[in-house]
Amino acid sequence: MRIIKLLRVHPWLKNVLIFVPILSTANFNSDSYMDLILGFIFFSFFVSATYIVNDLVDIKSDFSHPIKKNRPIASGKISKKMAISLSLLFSIVSIFYFYYFQQDVLLFI
């Protein structure tokens, strides 16, 4: 649960917007959907990695904030080392995926 909070999965809902273009066309083939689903997953992973970096940068101010002090890094529930490792893992895996499978998206991330 701590890692889910760290990754901030709830904002992934915004990433559903990547499905709008295909839903607004008549192009309904399984390859397009699989590309979109994988793109959604790996884009969301990359976004989570940036949230972790932001939490690491803001750790001092988050620690003093009445609500943000409960975030996993600021509260000490997840170590800085673990957070950095997860951020690197999610970033590298996402960039690798987009580089090899959806290069046109690489510019956006």
N, C-alpha and C. Protein backbone atom coordinates (compact mmCIF):
# COMPACT_ATOMS: atom_id res chain seq x y z
N MET A 1 0.82 -1.20 0.00
CA MET A 1 0.00 0.00 0.00
C MET A 1 0.86 1.26 0.00
N ARG A 2 2.01 1.21 0.69
CA ARG A 2 2.89 2.38 0.73
C ARG A 2 3.39 2.72 -0.68
N ILE A 3 3.71 1.68 -1.44
CA ILE A 3 4.22 1.92 -2.79
C ILE A 3 3.12 2.48 -3.69
N ILE A 4 1.90 2.00 -3.52
CA ILE A 4 0.78 2.53 -4.30
C ILE A 4 0.59 4.02 -4.00
N LYS A 5 0.70 4.39 -2.72
CA LYS A 5 0.60 5.81 -2.36
C LYS A 5 1.75 6.60 -2.96
N LEU A 6 2.94 6.02 -2.95
CA LEU A 6 4.11 6.68 -3.51
C LEU A 6 3.94 6.91 -5.01
N LEU A 7 3.41 5.92 -5.71
CA LEU A 7 3.24 6.00 -7.16
C LEU A 7 2.08 6.91 -7.57
N ARG A 8 1.24 7.24 -6.62
CA ARG A 8 0.06 8.09 -6.86
C ARG A 8 -0.75 7.57 -8.05
N VAL A 9 -1.27 6.39 -7.86
CA VAL A 9 -2.04 5.72 -8.90
C VAL A 9 -3.34 6.47 -9.21
N HIS A 10 -3.94 7.12 -8.23
CA HIS A 10 -5.22 7.80 -8.48
C HIS A 10 -5.17 8.84 -9.59
N PRO A 11 -4.07 9.60 -9.80
CA PRO A 11 -4.06 10.54 -10.93
C PRO A 11 -3.94 9.86 -12.29
N TRP A 12 -3.70 8.55 -12.31
CA TRP A 12 -3.62 7.85 -13.59
C TRP A 12 -4.92 7.99 -14.37
N LEU A 13 -6.01 8.25 -13.68
CA LEU A 13 -7.30 8.41 -14.34
C LEU A 13 -7.24 9.48 -15.42
N LYS A 14 -6.45 10.52 -15.19
CA LYS A 14 -6.28 11.58 -16.19
C LYS A 14 -5.65 11.04 -17.47
N ASN A 15 -4.83 10.01 -17.33
CA ASN A 15 -4.14 9.45 -18.49
C ASN A 15 -5.08 8.70 -19.43
N VAL A 16 -6.31 8.47 -18.99
CA VAL A 16 -7.31 7.80 -19.83
C VAL A 16 -7.59 8.65 -21.08
N LEU A 17 -7.23 9.92 -21.03
CA LEU A 17 -7.45 10.80 -22.17
C LEU A 17 -6.74 10.32 -23.43
N ILE A 18 -5.72 9.48 -23.28
CA ILE A 18 -5.04 8.99 -24.48
C ILE A 18 -5.94 8.09 -25.33
N PHE A 19 -7.05 7.62 -24.74
CA PHE A 19 -7.97 6.78 -25.49
C PHE A 19 -8.97 7.59 -26.33
N VAL A 20 -9.06 8.88 -26.11
CA VAL A 20 -10.05 9.72 -26.80
C VAL A 20 -9.89 9.67 -28.32
N PRO A 21 -8.68 9.83 -28.86
CA PRO A 21 -8.58 9.83 -30.33
C PRO A 21 -9.11 8.55 -30.99
N ILE A 22 -8.78 7.40 -30.45
CA ILE A 22 -9.24 6.17 -31.10
C ILE A 22 -10.74 5.96 -30.91
N LEU A 23 -11.27 6.44 -29.81
CA LEU A 23 -12.71 6.31 -29.60
C LEU A 23 -13.51 7.26 -30.48
N SER A 24 -12.87 8.32 -30.94
CA SER A 24 -13.57 9.29 -31.78
C SER A 24 -13.45 8.96 -33.27
N THR A 25 -12.79 7.87 -33.59
CA THR A 25 -12.68 7.44 -34.99
C THR A 25 -13.37 6.09 -35.15
N ALA A 26 -13.45 5.64 -36.36
CA ALA A 26 -14.04 4.34 -36.63
C ALA A 26 -12.97 3.25 -36.72
N ASN A 27 -11.76 3.56 -36.29
CA ASN A 27 -10.64 2.61 -36.39
C ASN A 27 -10.61 1.71 -35.15
N PHE A 28 -11.32 0.61 -35.21
CA PHE A 28 -11.41 -0.30 -34.07
C PHE A 28 -10.71 -1.61 -34.40
N ASN A 29 -9.40 -1.64 -34.28
CA ASN A 29 -8.71 -2.92 -34.45
C ASN A 29 -7.93 -3.25 -33.18
N SER A 30 -7.70 -4.51 -32.96
CA SER A 30 -7.10 -4.96 -31.70
C SER A 30 -5.68 -4.46 -31.52
N ASP A 31 -4.93 -4.28 -32.61
CA ASP A 31 -3.56 -3.77 -32.49
C ASP A 31 -3.54 -2.35 -31.93
N SER A 32 -4.46 -1.53 -32.39
CA SER A 32 -4.53 -0.15 -31.90
C SER A 32 -4.85 -0.12 -30.41
N TYR A 33 -5.77 -0.97 -30.01
CA TYR A 33 -6.14 -1.00 -28.58
C TYR A 33 -4.98 -1.49 -27.72
N MET A 34 -4.27 -2.50 -28.20
CA MET A 34 -3.14 -3.02 -27.42
C MET A 34 -2.05 -1.96 -27.30
N ASP A 35 -1.78 -1.24 -28.38
CA ASP A 35 -0.79 -0.16 -28.33
C ASP A 35 -1.22 0.91 -27.33
N LEU A 36 -2.50 1.26 -27.35
CA LEU A 36 -3.00 2.27 -26.43
C LEU A 36 -2.95 1.81 -24.98
N ILE A 37 -3.31 0.58 -24.74
CA ILE A 37 -3.30 0.05 -23.37
C ILE A 37 -1.87 0.02 -22.83
N LEU A 38 -0.94 -0.48 -23.64
CA LEU A 38 0.46 -0.50 -23.21
C LEU A 38 1.01 0.92 -23.07
N GLY A 39 0.63 1.80 -23.99
CA GLY A 39 1.05 3.20 -23.88
C GLY A 39 0.53 3.83 -22.60
N PHE A 40 -0.73 3.55 -22.27
CA PHE A 40 -1.32 4.06 -21.04
C PHE A 40 -0.54 3.57 -19.82
N ILE A 41 -0.24 2.30 -19.78
CA ILE A 41 0.47 1.71 -18.63
C ILE A 41 1.86 2.32 -18.48
N PHE A 42 2.63 2.36 -19.56
CA PHE A 42 4.00 2.85 -19.45
C PHE A 42 4.06 4.37 -19.29
N PHE A 43 3.12 5.10 -19.86
CA PHE A 43 3.05 6.53 -19.62
C PHE A 43 2.72 6.79 -18.15
N SER A 44 1.81 6.01 -17.60
CA SER A 44 1.46 6.16 -16.19
C SER A 44 2.64 5.84 -15.29
N PHE A 45 3.42 4.83 -15.66
CA PHE A 45 4.63 4.51 -14.89
C PHE A 45 5.59 5.70 -14.90
N PHE A 46 5.75 6.32 -16.08
CA PHE A 46 6.66 7.46 -16.18
C PHE A 46 6.17 8.63 -15.35
N VAL A 47 4.87 8.88 -15.39
CA VAL A 47 4.29 9.96 -14.58
C VAL A 47 4.53 9.69 -13.10
N SER A 48 4.36 8.45 -12.68
CA SER A 48 4.61 8.09 -11.28
C SER A 48 6.06 8.35 -10.90
N ALA A 49 6.97 8.04 -11.81
CA ALA A 49 8.39 8.30 -11.54
C ALA A 49 8.64 9.79 -11.32
N THR A 50 7.96 10.64 -12.08
CA THR A 50 8.14 12.08 -11.89
C THR A 50 7.53 12.55 -10.57
N TYR A 51 6.43 11.93 -10.15
CA TYR A 51 5.87 12.26 -8.84
C TYR A 51 6.86 11.91 -7.72
N ILE A 52 7.53 10.79 -7.87
CA ILE A 52 8.52 10.39 -6.86
C ILE A 52 9.65 11.40 -6.80
N VAL A 53 10.15 11.81 -7.97
CA VAL A 53 11.23 12.81 -8.01
C VAL A 53 10.75 14.10 -7.34
N ASN A 54 9.54 14.52 -7.63
CA ASN A 54 8.99 15.72 -7.01
C ASN A 54 8.93 15.57 -5.49
N ASP A 55 8.50 14.41 -5.02
CA ASP A 55 8.43 14.18 -3.57
C ASP A 55 9.83 14.21 -2.94
N LEU A 56 10.82 13.71 -3.65
CA LEU A 56 12.19 13.75 -3.14
C LEU A 56 12.71 15.18 -3.07
N VAL A 57 12.41 15.96 -4.07
CA VAL A 57 12.86 17.36 -4.11
C VAL A 57 12.16 18.18 -3.02
N ASP A 58 10.90 17.89 -2.79
CA ASP A 58 10.09 18.66 -1.84
C ASP A 58 10.03 18.06 -0.43
N ILE A 59 10.89 17.12 -0.12
CA ILE A 59 10.78 16.37 1.13
C ILE A 59 10.77 17.29 2.36
N LYS A 60 11.60 18.32 2.38
CA LYS A 60 11.65 19.21 3.55
C LYS A 60 10.36 20.00 3.71
N SER A 61 9.87 20.56 2.63
CA SER A 61 8.62 21.33 2.73
C SER A 61 7.43 20.41 3.00
N ASP A 62 7.43 19.20 2.42
CA ASP A 62 6.35 18.25 2.68
C ASP A 62 6.34 17.83 4.15
N PHE A 63 7.51 17.67 4.73
CA PHE A 63 7.61 17.27 6.13
C PHE A 63 6.95 18.29 7.05
N SER A 64 7.02 19.56 6.68
CA SER A 64 6.44 20.63 7.50
C SER A 64 4.96 20.90 7.19
N HIS A 65 4.46 20.36 6.12
CA HIS A 65 3.09 20.61 5.69
C HIS A 65 2.13 19.70 6.45
N PRO A 66 0.99 20.23 6.92
CA PRO A 66 0.06 19.44 7.73
C PRO A 66 -0.51 18.20 7.03
N ILE A 67 -0.68 18.25 5.71
CA ILE A 67 -1.23 17.10 4.98
C ILE A 67 -0.14 16.32 4.27
N LYS A 68 0.75 17.04 3.59
CA LYS A 68 1.79 16.38 2.80
C LYS A 68 2.80 15.61 3.66
N LYS A 69 2.84 15.90 4.95
CA LYS A 69 3.78 15.18 5.82
C LYS A 69 3.45 13.70 5.92
N ASN A 70 2.24 13.33 5.49
CA ASN A 70 1.82 11.93 5.53
C ASN A 70 2.19 11.16 4.26
N ARG A 71 2.78 11.83 3.29
CA ARG A 71 3.23 11.14 2.08
C ARG A 71 4.32 10.14 2.45
N PRO A 72 4.46 9.07 1.70
CA PRO A 72 5.37 7.99 2.08
C PRO A 72 6.83 8.39 2.33
N ILE A 73 7.38 9.29 1.53
CA ILE A 73 8.78 9.68 1.73
C ILE A 73 8.91 10.63 2.91
N ALA A 74 8.06 11.65 2.96
CA ALA A 74 8.12 12.64 4.04
C ALA A 74 7.87 12.00 5.40
N SER A 75 7.02 10.99 5.44
CA SER A 75 6.71 10.33 6.71
C SER A 75 7.75 9.27 7.10
N GLY A 76 8.64 8.95 6.17
CA GLY A 76 9.66 7.94 6.45
C GLY A 76 9.20 6.51 6.22
N LYS A 77 8.00 6.33 5.69
CA LYS A 77 7.50 4.97 5.43
C LYS A 77 8.24 4.31 4.27
N ILE A 78 8.76 5.13 3.38
CA ILE A 78 9.59 4.65 2.28
C ILE A 78 10.88 5.46 2.30
N SER A 79 12.00 4.76 2.26
CA SER A 79 13.30 5.44 2.34
C SER A 79 13.60 6.19 1.04
N LYS A 80 14.49 7.16 1.14
CA LYS A 80 14.90 7.91 -0.04
C LYS A 80 15.54 6.97 -1.06
N LYS A 81 16.33 6.05 -0.56
CA LYS A 81 17.01 5.09 -1.45
C LYS A 81 16.00 4.25 -2.23
N MET A 82 14.97 3.77 -1.55
CA MET A 82 13.93 2.98 -2.21
C MET A 82 13.18 3.84 -3.21
N ALA A 83 12.87 5.08 -2.85
CA ALA A 83 12.15 5.99 -3.75
C ALA A 83 12.97 6.27 -5.00
N ILE A 84 14.24 6.53 -4.84
CA ILE A 84 15.12 6.77 -6.00
C ILE A 84 15.17 5.53 -6.88
N SER A 85 15.30 4.37 -6.27
CA SER A 85 15.36 3.12 -7.03
C SER A 85 14.08 2.90 -7.83
N LEU A 86 12.94 3.12 -7.19
CA LEU A 86 11.67 2.95 -7.89
C LEU A 86 11.50 3.97 -9.02
N SER A 87 11.90 5.19 -8.77
CA SER A 87 11.79 6.22 -9.80
C SER A 87 12.66 5.87 -11.00
N LEU A 88 13.88 5.44 -10.74
CA LEU A 88 14.77 5.03 -11.83
C LEU A 88 14.21 3.83 -12.59
N LEU A 89 13.72 2.85 -11.86
CA LEU A 89 13.16 1.66 -12.48
C LEU A 89 11.99 2.01 -13.40
N PHE A 90 11.04 2.77 -12.88
CA PHE A 90 9.87 3.14 -13.67
C PHE A 90 10.24 4.02 -14.86
N SER A 91 11.18 4.93 -14.68
CA SER A 91 11.62 5.80 -15.78
C SER A 91 12.31 4.99 -16.87
N ILE A 92 13.25 4.15 -16.48
CA ILE A 92 14.02 3.37 -17.45
C ILE A 92 13.13 2.40 -18.22
N VAL A 93 12.26 1.70 -17.50
CA VAL A 93 11.36 0.75 -18.16
C VAL A 93 10.44 1.48 -19.14
N SER A 94 9.92 2.62 -18.73
CA SER A 94 9.02 3.38 -19.60
C SER A 94 9.75 3.89 -20.84
N ILE A 95 10.90 4.49 -20.64
CA ILE A 95 11.66 5.02 -21.77
C ILE A 95 12.07 3.89 -22.72
N PHE A 96 12.48 2.77 -22.15
CA PHE A 96 12.83 1.60 -22.96
C PHE A 96 11.64 1.17 -23.81
N TYR A 97 10.48 1.05 -23.19
CA TYR A 97 9.28 0.64 -23.93
C TYR A 97 8.99 1.60 -25.08
N PHE A 98 8.94 2.90 -24.79
CA PHE A 98 8.61 3.86 -25.82
C PHE A 98 9.68 3.94 -26.91
N TYR A 99 10.93 3.79 -26.53
CA TYR A 99 12.01 3.82 -27.52
C TYR A 99 11.89 2.67 -28.51
N TYR A 100 11.58 1.50 -28.02
CA TYR A 100 11.54 0.32 -28.88
C TYR A 100 10.17 0.04 -29.52
N PHE A 101 9.10 0.52 -28.93
CA PHE A 101 7.78 0.14 -29.44
C PHE A 101 6.89 1.29 -29.88
N GLN A 102 7.09 2.47 -29.33
CA GLN A 102 6.26 3.62 -29.71
C GLN A 102 7.12 4.89 -29.74
N GLN A 103 8.05 4.92 -30.67
CA GLN A 103 9.01 6.02 -30.71
C GLN A 103 8.38 7.40 -30.90
N ASP A 104 7.24 7.45 -31.54
CA ASP A 104 6.58 8.73 -31.74
C ASP A 104 6.12 9.36 -30.43
N VAL A 105 5.92 8.57 -29.41
CA VAL A 105 5.48 9.07 -28.10
C VAL A 105 6.68 9.53 -27.26
N LEU A 106 7.84 9.04 -27.59
CA LEU A 106 9.05 9.36 -26.82
C LEU A 106 9.27 10.86 -26.67
N LEU A 107 8.94 11.62 -27.67
CA LEU A 107 9.09 13.07 -27.61
C LEU A 107 8.24 13.70 -26.52
N PHE A 108 7.09 13.10 -26.23
CA PHE A 108 6.18 13.67 -25.23
C PHE A 108 6.66 13.41 -23.81
N ILE A 109 7.36 12.33 -23.61
CA ILE A 109 7.80 12.06 -22.24
C ILE A 109 9.18 12.64 -22.01
